[in-house]
Amino acid sequence: SYEAQCRQNGGLPAKTRRVLTRIAEGQPVASAT
């Protein structure tokens, strides 16, 4: 359902995806944002 919504509405903004990727790679939230 989430993927269908992303495809219909364009998903997360590129900036948000980059920040989430940095956090997933282990960068602290404070510095990622």
Full PDB file with SEQRES, HELIX, SHEET, SSBOND, CRYST1, ORIGX, SCALE, CONECT and MASTER records, all heavy atoms in Angstrom:
SEQRES   1 A   33  SER TYR GLU ALA GLN CYS ARG GLN ASN GLY GLY LEU PRO          
SEQRES   2 A   33  ALA LYS THR ARG ARG VAL LEU THR ARG ILE ALA GLU GLY          
SEQRES   3 A   33  GLN PRO VAL ALA SER ALA THR                                  
HELIX    1 AA1 TYR A    2  ASN A    9  1                                   8    
HELIX    2 AA2 ALA A   14  ALA A   24  1                                  11    
HELIX    3 AA3 VAL A   29  ALA A   32  1                                   4    
CRYST1    1.000    1.000    1.000  90.00  90.00  90.00 P 1           1          
ORIGX1      1.000000  0.000000  0.000000        0.00000                         
ORIGX2      0.000000  1.000000  0.000000        0.00000                         
ORIGX3      0.000000  0.000000  1.000000        0.00000                         
SCALE1      1.000000  0.000000  0.000000        0.00000                         
SCALE2      0.000000  1.000000  0.000000        0.00000                         
SCALE3      0.000000  0.000000  1.000000        0.00000                         
ATOM      1  N   SER A   1       0.831  -1.215   0.000  1.00  0.00           N  
ATOM      2  CA  SER A   1       0.000   0.000   0.000  1.00  0.00           C  
ATOM      3  C   SER A   1       0.859   1.255   0.000  1.00  0.00           C  
ATOM      4  O   SER A   1       0.580   2.215  -0.726  1.00  0.00           O  
ATOM      5  CB  SER A   1      -0.925   0.019   1.222  1.00  0.00           C  
ATOM      6  OG  SER A   1      -1.866  -1.002   1.140  1.00  0.00           O  
ATOM      7  N   TYR A   2       1.917   1.263   0.818  1.00  0.00           N  
ATOM      8  CA  TYR A   2       2.817   2.418   0.875  1.00  0.00           C  
ATOM      9  C   TYR A   2       3.480   2.643  -0.480  1.00  0.00           C  
ATOM     10  O   TYR A   2       3.539   3.766  -0.979  1.00  0.00           O  
ATOM     11  CB  TYR A   2       3.878   2.222   1.967  1.00  0.00           C  
ATOM     12  CG  TYR A   2       4.874   3.347   2.009  1.00  0.00           C  
ATOM     13  CD1 TYR A   2       4.543   4.563   2.611  1.00  0.00           C  
ATOM     14  CD2 TYR A   2       6.126   3.227   1.423  1.00  0.00           C  
ATOM     15  CE1 TYR A   2       5.453   5.611   2.630  1.00  0.00           C  
ATOM     16  CE2 TYR A   2       7.029   4.271   1.437  1.00  0.00           C  
ATOM     17  CZ  TYR A   2       6.690   5.456   2.042  1.00  0.00           C  
ATOM     18  OH  TYR A   2       7.576   6.492   2.046  1.00  0.00           O  
ATOM     19  N   GLU A   3       3.975   1.578  -1.082  1.00  0.00           N  
ATOM     20  CA  GLU A   3       4.641   1.702  -2.382  1.00  0.00           C  
ATOM     21  C   GLU A   3       3.670   2.221  -3.438  1.00  0.00           C  
ATOM     22  O   GLU A   3       4.031   3.066  -4.268  1.00  0.00           O  
ATOM     23  CB  GLU A   3       5.242   0.359  -2.809  1.00  0.00           C  
ATOM     24  CG  GLU A   3       5.982   0.413  -4.120  1.00  0.00           C  
ATOM     25  CD  GLU A   3       7.211   1.312  -4.111  1.00  0.00           C  
ATOM     26  OE1 GLU A   3       7.739   1.623  -3.033  1.00  0.00           O  
ATOM     27  OE2 GLU A   3       7.645   1.725  -5.209  1.00  0.00           O  
ATOM     28  N   ALA A   4       2.429   1.771  -3.390  1.00  0.00           N  
ATOM     29  CA  ALA A   4       1.418   2.255  -4.345  1.00  0.00           C  
ATOM     30  C   ALA A   4       1.178   3.751  -4.153  1.00  0.00           C  
ATOM     31  O   ALA A   4       1.059   4.507  -5.127  1.00  0.00           O  
ATOM     32  CB  ALA A   4       0.115   1.473  -4.185  1.00  0.00           C  
ATOM     33  N   GLN A   5       1.115   4.199  -2.899  1.00  0.00           N  
ATOM     34  CA  GLN A   5       0.940   5.630  -2.622  1.00  0.00           C  
ATOM     35  C   GLN A   5       2.141   6.423  -3.126  1.00  0.00           C  
ATOM     36  O   GLN A   5       1.985   7.502  -3.700  1.00  0.00           O  
ATOM     37  CB  GLN A   5       0.765   5.870  -1.122  1.00  0.00           C  
ATOM     38  CG  GLN A   5      -0.556   5.441  -0.579  1.00  0.00           C  
ATOM     39  CD  GLN A   5      -0.645   5.634   0.931  1.00  0.00           C  
ATOM     40  OE1 GLN A   5       0.296   6.102   1.567  1.00  0.00           O  
ATOM     41  NE2 GLN A   5      -1.775   5.274   1.500  1.00  0.00           N  
ATOM     42  N   CYS A   6       3.339   5.897  -2.919  1.00  0.00           N  
ATOM     43  CA  CYS A   6       4.548   6.584  -3.394  1.00  0.00           C  
ATOM     44  C   CYS A   6       4.525   6.725  -4.907  1.00  0.00           C  
ATOM     45  O   CYS A   6       4.844   7.786  -5.446  1.00  0.00           O  
ATOM     46  CB  CYS A   6       5.805   5.839  -2.955  1.00  0.00           C  
ATOM     47  SG  CYS A   6       6.179   6.016  -1.203  1.00  0.00           S  
ATOM     48  N   ARG A   7       4.152   5.672  -5.573  1.00  0.00           N  
ATOM     49  CA  ARG A   7       4.116   5.719  -7.028  1.00  0.00           C  
ATOM     50  C   ARG A   7       3.049   6.687  -7.523  1.00  0.00           C  
ATOM     51  O   ARG A   7       3.250   7.388  -8.512  1.00  0.00           O  
ATOM     52  CB  ARG A   7       3.873   4.322  -7.595  1.00  0.00           C  
ATOM     53  CG  ARG A   7       5.076   3.425  -7.422  1.00  0.00           C  
ATOM     54  CD  ARG A   7       4.845   2.042  -7.975  1.00  0.00           C  
ATOM     55  NE  ARG A   7       6.007   1.188  -7.705  1.00  0.00           N  
ATOM     56  CZ  ARG A   7       6.146  -0.014  -8.184  1.00  0.00           C  
ATOM     57  NH1 ARG A   7       5.207  -0.540  -8.967  1.00  0.00           N  
ATOM     58  NH2 ARG A   7       7.216  -0.723  -7.894  1.00  0.00           N  
ATOM     59  N   GLN A   8       1.934   6.741  -6.843  1.00  0.00           N  
ATOM     60  CA  GLN A   8       0.845   7.634  -7.247  1.00  0.00           C  
ATOM     61  C   GLN A   8       1.173   9.097  -6.945  1.00  0.00           C  
ATOM     62  O   GLN A   8       0.865   9.984  -7.732  1.00  0.00           O  
ATOM     63  CB  GLN A   8      -0.445   7.252  -6.534  1.00  0.00           C  
ATOM     64  CG  GLN A   8      -1.625   8.125  -6.902  1.00  0.00           C  
ATOM     65  CD  GLN A   8      -2.905   7.703  -6.194  1.00  0.00           C  
ATOM     66  OE1 GLN A   8      -2.940   6.701  -5.498  1.00  0.00           O  
ATOM     67  NE2 GLN A   8      -3.948   8.475  -6.378  1.00  0.00           N  
ATOM     68  N   ASN A   9       1.815   9.343  -5.805  1.00  0.00           N  
ATOM     69  CA  ASN A   9       2.036  10.716  -5.349  1.00  0.00           C  
ATOM     70  C   ASN A   9       3.474  11.186  -5.466  1.00  0.00           C  
ATOM     71  O   ASN A   9       3.804  12.282  -5.035  1.00  0.00           O  
ATOM     72  CB  ASN A   9       1.572  10.857  -3.897  1.00  0.00           C  
ATOM     73  CG  ASN A   9       0.114  10.551  -3.744  1.00  0.00           C  
ATOM     74  OD1 ASN A   9      -0.708  11.022  -4.515  1.00  0.00           O  
ATOM     75  ND2 ASN A   9      -0.231   9.726  -2.763  1.00  0.00           N  
ATOM     76  N   GLY A  10       4.341  10.386  -6.008  1.00  0.00           N  
ATOM     77  CA  GLY A  10       5.724  10.814  -6.206  1.00  0.00           C  
ATOM     78  C   GLY A  10       6.683  10.457  -5.099  1.00  0.00           C  
ATOM     79  O   GLY A  10       7.865  10.736  -5.198  1.00  0.00           O  
ATOM     80  N   GLY A  11       6.240   9.880  -4.025  1.00  0.00           N  
ATOM     81  CA  GLY A  11       7.145   9.453  -2.955  1.00  0.00           C  
ATOM     82  C   GLY A  11       7.712  10.606  -2.157  1.00  0.00           C  
ATOM     83  O   GLY A  11       7.253  11.746  -2.242  1.00  0.00           O  
ATOM     84  N   LEU A  12       8.729  10.294  -1.389  1.00  0.00           N  
ATOM     85  CA  LEU A  12       9.370  11.298  -0.548  1.00  0.00           C  
ATOM     86  C   LEU A  12      10.212  12.249  -1.389  1.00  0.00           C  
ATOM     87  O   LEU A  12      10.786  11.846  -2.404  1.00  0.00           O  
ATOM     88  CB  LEU A  12      10.283  10.605   0.473  1.00  0.00           C  
ATOM     89  CG  LEU A  12       9.589   9.732   1.514  1.00  0.00           C  
ATOM     90  CD1 LEU A  12      10.642   8.970   2.318  1.00  0.00           C  
ATOM     91  CD2 LEU A  12       8.723  10.563   2.422  1.00  0.00           C  
ATOM     92  N   PRO A  13      10.325  13.505  -0.949  1.00  0.00           N  
ATOM     93  CA  PRO A  13      11.208  14.437  -1.648  1.00  0.00           C  
ATOM     94  C   PRO A  13      12.652  13.928  -1.621  1.00  0.00           C  
ATOM     95  O   PRO A  13      13.066  13.231  -0.692  1.00  0.00           O  
ATOM     96  CB  PRO A  13      11.076  15.735  -0.841  1.00  0.00           C  
ATOM     97  CG  PRO A  13       9.811  15.599  -0.075  1.00  0.00           C  
ATOM     98  CD  PRO A  13       9.620  14.133   0.161  1.00  0.00           C  
ATOM     99  N   ALA A  14      13.421  14.294  -2.628  1.00  0.00           N  
ATOM    100  CA  ALA A  14      14.812  13.839  -2.745  1.00  0.00           C  
ATOM    101  C   ALA A  14      15.634  14.195  -1.507  1.00  0.00           C  
ATOM    102  O   ALA A  14      16.443  13.394  -1.035  1.00  0.00           O  
ATOM    103  CB  ALA A  14      15.452  14.422  -3.998  1.00  0.00           C  
ATOM    104  N   LYS A  15      15.447  15.392  -0.957  1.00  0.00           N  
ATOM    105  CA  LYS A  15      16.187  15.809   0.239  1.00  0.00           C  
ATOM    106  C   LYS A  15      15.914  14.865   1.402  1.00  0.00           C  
ATOM    107  O   LYS A  15      16.822  14.475   2.127  1.00  0.00           O  
ATOM    108  CB  LYS A  15      15.774  17.224   0.658  1.00  0.00           C  
ATOM    109  CG  LYS A  15      16.560  18.338   0.079  1.00  0.00           C  
ATOM    110  CD  LYS A  15      15.999  19.638   0.618  1.00  0.00           C  
ATOM    111  CE  LYS A  15      17.064  20.675   0.797  1.00  0.00           C  
ATOM    112  NZ  LYS A  15      16.495  21.956   1.220  1.00  0.00           N  
ATOM    113  N   THR A  16      14.651  14.510   1.576  1.00  0.00           N  
ATOM    114  CA  THR A  16      14.279  13.619   2.669  1.00  0.00           C  
ATOM    115  C   THR A  16      14.886  12.243   2.462  1.00  0.00           C  
ATOM    116  O   THR A  16      15.400  11.633   3.402  1.00  0.00           O  
ATOM    117  CB  THR A  16      12.744  13.521   2.783  1.00  0.00           C  
ATOM    118  OG1 THR A  16      12.210  14.824   2.985  1.00  0.00           O  
ATOM    119  CG2 THR A  16      12.327  12.613   3.931  1.00  0.00           C  
ATOM    120  N   ARG A  17      14.877  11.748   1.237  1.00  0.00           N  
ATOM    121  CA  ARG A  17      15.489  10.450   0.945  1.00  0.00           C  
ATOM    122  C   ARG A  17      16.983  10.467   1.254  1.00  0.00           C  
ATOM    123  O   ARG A  17      17.521   9.510   1.814  1.00  0.00           O  
ATOM    124  CB  ARG A  17      15.241  10.046  -0.509  1.00  0.00           C  
ATOM    125  CG  ARG A  17      13.813   9.612  -0.784  1.00  0.00           C  
ATOM    126  CD  ARG A  17      13.660   8.886  -2.108  1.00  0.00           C  
ATOM    127  NE  ARG A  17      14.270   9.546  -3.244  1.00  0.00           N  
ATOM    128  CZ  ARG A  17      13.662  10.453  -4.018  1.00  0.00           C  
ATOM    129  NH1 ARG A  17      12.417  10.791  -3.789  1.00  0.00           N  
ATOM    130  NH2 ARG A  17      14.302  10.995  -5.036  1.00  0.00           N  
ATOM    131  N   ARG A  18      17.660  11.575   0.905  1.00  0.00           N  
ATOM    132  CA  ARG A  18      19.104  11.675   1.182  1.00  0.00           C  
ATOM    133  C   ARG A  18      19.374  11.664   2.688  1.00  0.00           C  
ATOM    134  O   ARG A  18      20.295  10.983   3.162  1.00  0.00           O  
ATOM    135  CB  ARG A  18      19.688  12.931   0.543  1.00  0.00           C  
ATOM    136  CG  ARG A  18      19.890  12.815  -0.958  1.00  0.00           C  
ATOM    137  CD  ARG A  18      20.723  13.951  -1.522  1.00  0.00           C  
ATOM    138  NE  ARG A  18      20.123  15.257  -1.346  1.00  0.00           N  
ATOM    139  CZ  ARG A  18      19.286  15.835  -2.211  1.00  0.00           C  
ATOM    140  NH1 ARG A  18      18.950  15.215  -3.328  1.00  0.00           N  
ATOM    141  NH2 ARG A  18      18.788  17.034  -1.970  1.00  0.00           N  
ATOM    142  N   VAL A  19      18.575  12.404   3.444  1.00  0.00           N  
ATOM    143  CA  VAL A  19      18.761  12.440   4.896  1.00  0.00           C  
ATOM    144  C   VAL A  19      18.515  11.052   5.488  1.00  0.00           C  
ATOM    145  O   VAL A  19      19.302  10.571   6.313  1.00  0.00           O  
ATOM    146  CB  VAL A  19      17.830  13.490   5.554  1.00  0.00           C  
ATOM    147  CG1 VAL A  19      17.787  13.329   7.059  1.00  0.00           C  
ATOM    148  CG2 VAL A  19      18.272  14.898   5.190  1.00  0.00           C  
ATOM    149  N   LEU A  20      17.448  10.394   5.073  1.00  0.00           N  
ATOM    150  CA  LEU A  20      17.158   9.053   5.592  1.00  0.00           C  
ATOM    151  C   LEU A  20      18.258   8.060   5.228  1.00  0.00           C  
ATOM    152  O   LEU A  20      18.605   7.192   6.026  1.00  0.00           O  
ATOM    153  CB  LEU A  20      15.799   8.576   5.081  1.00  0.00           C  
ATOM    154  CG  LEU A  20      14.591   9.315   5.650  1.00  0.00           C  
ATOM    155  CD1 LEU A  20      13.317   8.872   4.947  1.00  0.00           C  
ATOM    156  CD2 LEU A  20      14.483   9.120   7.151  1.00  0.00           C  
ATOM    157  N   THR A  21      18.830   8.198   4.052  1.00  0.00           N  
ATOM    158  CA  THR A  21      19.937   7.325   3.651  1.00  0.00           C  
ATOM    159  C   THR A  21      21.138   7.547   4.555  1.00  0.00           C  
ATOM    160  O   THR A  21      21.768   6.586   5.013  1.00  0.00           O  
ATOM    161  CB  THR A  21      20.320   7.571   2.178  1.00  0.00           C  
ATOM    162  OG1 THR A  21      19.185   7.248   1.356  1.00  0.00           O  
ATOM    163  CG2 THR A  21      21.511   6.740   1.764  1.00  0.00           C  
ATOM    164  N   ARG A  22      21.461   8.808   4.844  1.00  0.00           N  
ATOM    165  CA  ARG A  22      22.594   9.096   5.731  1.00  0.00           C  
ATOM    166  C   ARG A  22      22.360   8.505   7.126  1.00  0.00           C  
ATOM    167  O   ARG A  22      23.264   7.939   7.734  1.00  0.00           O  
ATOM    168  CB  ARG A  22      22.841  10.595   5.819  1.00  0.00           C  
ATOM    169  CG  ARG A  22      23.450  11.173   4.548  1.00  0.00           C  
ATOM    170  CD  ARG A  22      24.072  12.527   4.748  1.00  0.00           C  
ATOM    171  NE  ARG A  22      23.190  13.635   4.958  1.00  0.00           N  
ATOM    172  CZ  ARG A  22      22.541  14.325   4.010  1.00  0.00           C  
ATOM    173  NH1 ARG A  22      22.668  14.001   2.765  1.00  0.00           N  
ATOM    174  NH2 ARG A  22      21.779  15.343   4.299  1.00  0.00           N  
ATOM    175  N   ILE A  23      21.130   8.619   7.622  1.00  0.00           N  
ATOM    176  CA  ILE A  23      20.803   8.058   8.941  1.00  0.00           C  
ATOM    177  C   ILE A  23      20.920   6.529   8.898  1.00  0.00           C  
ATOM    178  O   ILE A  23      21.489   5.917   9.795  1.00  0.00           O  
ATOM    179  CB  ILE A  23      19.402   8.507   9.387  1.00  0.00           C  
ATOM    180  CG1 ILE A  23      19.406  10.020   9.651  1.00  0.00           C  
ATOM    181  CG2 ILE A  23      18.961   7.742  10.638  1.00  0.00           C  
ATOM    182  CD1 ILE A  23      18.025  10.621   9.817  1.00  0.00           C  
ATOM    183  N   ALA A  24      20.407   5.922   7.838  1.00  0.00           N  
ATOM    184  CA  ALA A  24      20.487   4.459   7.699  1.00  0.00           C  
ATOM    185  C   ALA A  24      21.930   3.981   7.610  1.00  0.00           C  
ATOM    186  O   ALA A  24      22.252   2.864   8.029  1.00  0.00           O  
ATOM    187  CB  ALA A  24      19.706   4.006   6.464  1.00  0.00           C  
ATOM    188  N   GLU A  25      22.817   4.810   7.098  1.00  0.00           N  
ATOM    189  CA  GLU A  25      24.240   4.464   6.996  1.00  0.00           C  
ATOM    190  C   GLU A  25      24.987   4.691   8.301  1.00  0.00           C  
ATOM    191  O   GLU A  25      26.181   4.453   8.389  1.00  0.00           O  
ATOM    192  CB  GLU A  25      24.893   5.276   5.874  1.00  0.00           C  
ATOM    193  CG  GLU A  25      24.415   4.861   4.493  1.00  0.00           C  
ATOM    194  CD  GLU A  25      24.861   5.800   3.383  1.00  0.00           C  
ATOM    195  OE1 GLU A  25      25.338   6.924   3.688  1.00  0.00           O  
ATOM    196  OE2 GLU A  25      24.695   5.424   2.220  1.00  0.00           O  
ATOM    197  N   GLY A  26      24.276   5.185   9.330  1.00  0.00           N  
ATOM    198  CA  GLY A  26      24.882   5.336  10.644  1.00  0.00           C  
ATOM    199  C   GLY A  26      25.218   6.745  11.057  1.00  0.00           C  
ATOM    200  O   GLY A  26      25.722   6.963  12.153  1.00  0.00           O  
ATOM    201  N   GLN A  27      24.947   7.730  10.210  1.00  0.00           N  
ATOM    202  CA  GLN A  27      25.242   9.115  10.585  1.00  0.00           C  
ATOM    203  C   GLN A  27      24.232   9.554  11.648  1.00  0.00           C  
ATOM    204  O   GLN A  27      23.043   9.265  11.542  1.00  0.00           O  
ATOM    205  CB  GLN A  27      25.129  10.009   9.350  1.00  0.00           C  
ATOM    206  CG  GLN A  27      25.586  11.425   9.594  1.00  0.00           C  
ATOM    207  CD  GLN A  27      25.648  12.228   8.292  1.00  0.00           C  
ATOM    208  OE1 GLN A  27      25.491  11.695   7.219  1.00  0.00           O  
ATOM    209  NE2 GLN A  27      25.884  13.502   8.419  1.00  0.00           N  
ATOM    210  N   PRO A  28      24.678  10.232  12.703  1.00  0.00           N  
ATOM    211  CA  PRO A  28      23.753  10.698  13.731  1.00  0.00           C  
ATOM    212  C   PRO A  28      22.678  11.624  13.139  1.00  0.00           C  
ATOM    213  O   PRO A  28      22.946  12.387  12.203  1.00  0.00           O  
ATOM    214  CB  PRO A  28      24.643  11.467  14.710  1.00  0.00           C  
ATOM    215  CG  PRO A  28      26.011  10.923  14.479  1.00  0.00           C  
ATOM    216  CD  PRO A  28      26.064  10.560  13.018  1.00  0.00           C  
ATOM    217  N   VAL A  29      21.494  11.549  13.688  1.00  0.00           N  
ATOM    218  CA  VAL A  29      20.371  12.337  13.183  1.00  0.00           C  
ATOM    219  C   VAL A  29      20.701  13.823  13.175  1.00  0.00           C  
ATOM    220  O   VAL A  29      20.411  14.524  12.212  1.00  0.00           O  
ATOM    221  CB  VAL A  29      19.091  12.064  14.014  1.00  0.00           C  
ATOM    222  CG1 VAL A  29      17.972  13.002  13.609  1.00  0.00           C  
ATOM    223  CG2 VAL A  29      18.660  10.612  13.867  1.00  0.00           C  
ATOM    224  N   ALA A  30      21.332  14.308  14.247  1.00  0.00           N  
ATOM    225  CA  ALA A  30      21.625  15.747  14.339  1.00  0.00           C  
ATOM    226  C   ALA A  30      22.482  16.224  13.176  1.00  0.00           C  
ATOM    227  O   ALA A  30      22.222  17.281  12.598  1.00  0.00           O  
ATOM    228  CB  ALA A  30      22.306  16.068  15.665  1.00  0.00           C  
ATOM    229  N   SER A  31      23.498  15.450  12.801  1.00  0.00           N  
ATOM    230  CA  SER A  31      24.346  15.902  11.709  1.00  0.00           C  
ATOM    231  C   SER A  31      23.716  15.622  10.347  1.00  0.00           C  
ATOM    232  O   SER A  31      23.929  16.358   9.396  1.00  0.00           O  
ATOM    233  CB  SER A  31      25.739  15.279  11.803  1.00  0.00           C  
ATOM    234  OG  SER A  31      25.677  13.885  11.681  1.00  0.00           O  
ATOM    235  N   ALA A  32      22.914  14.573  10.251  1.00  0.00           N  
ATOM    236  CA  ALA A  32      22.245  14.260   8.976  1.00  0.00           C  
ATOM    237  C   ALA A  32      21.224  15.318   8.611  1.00  0.00           C  
ATOM    238  O   ALA A  32      20.954  15.568   7.435  1.00  0.00           O  
ATOM    239  CB  ALA A  32      21.589  12.897   9.036  1.00  0.00           C  
ATOM    240  N   THR A  33      20.648  15.955   9.608  1.00  0.00           N  
ATOM    241  CA  THR A  33      19.607  16.959   9.361  1.00  0.00           C  
ATOM    242  C   THR A  33      20.123  18.380   9.489  1.00  0.00           C  
ATOM    243  O   THR A  33      19.357  19.328   9.377  1.00  0.00           O  
ATOM    244  CB  THR A  33      18.429  16.770  10.333  1.00  0.00           C  
ATOM    245  OG1 THR A  33      18.903  16.883  11.675  1.00  0.00           O  
ATOM    246  CG2 THR A  33      17.768  15.422  10.142  1.00  0.00           C  
TER     247      THR A  33                                                      
MASTER        0    0    0    3    0    0    0    6  246    1    0    3          
END                                                                             
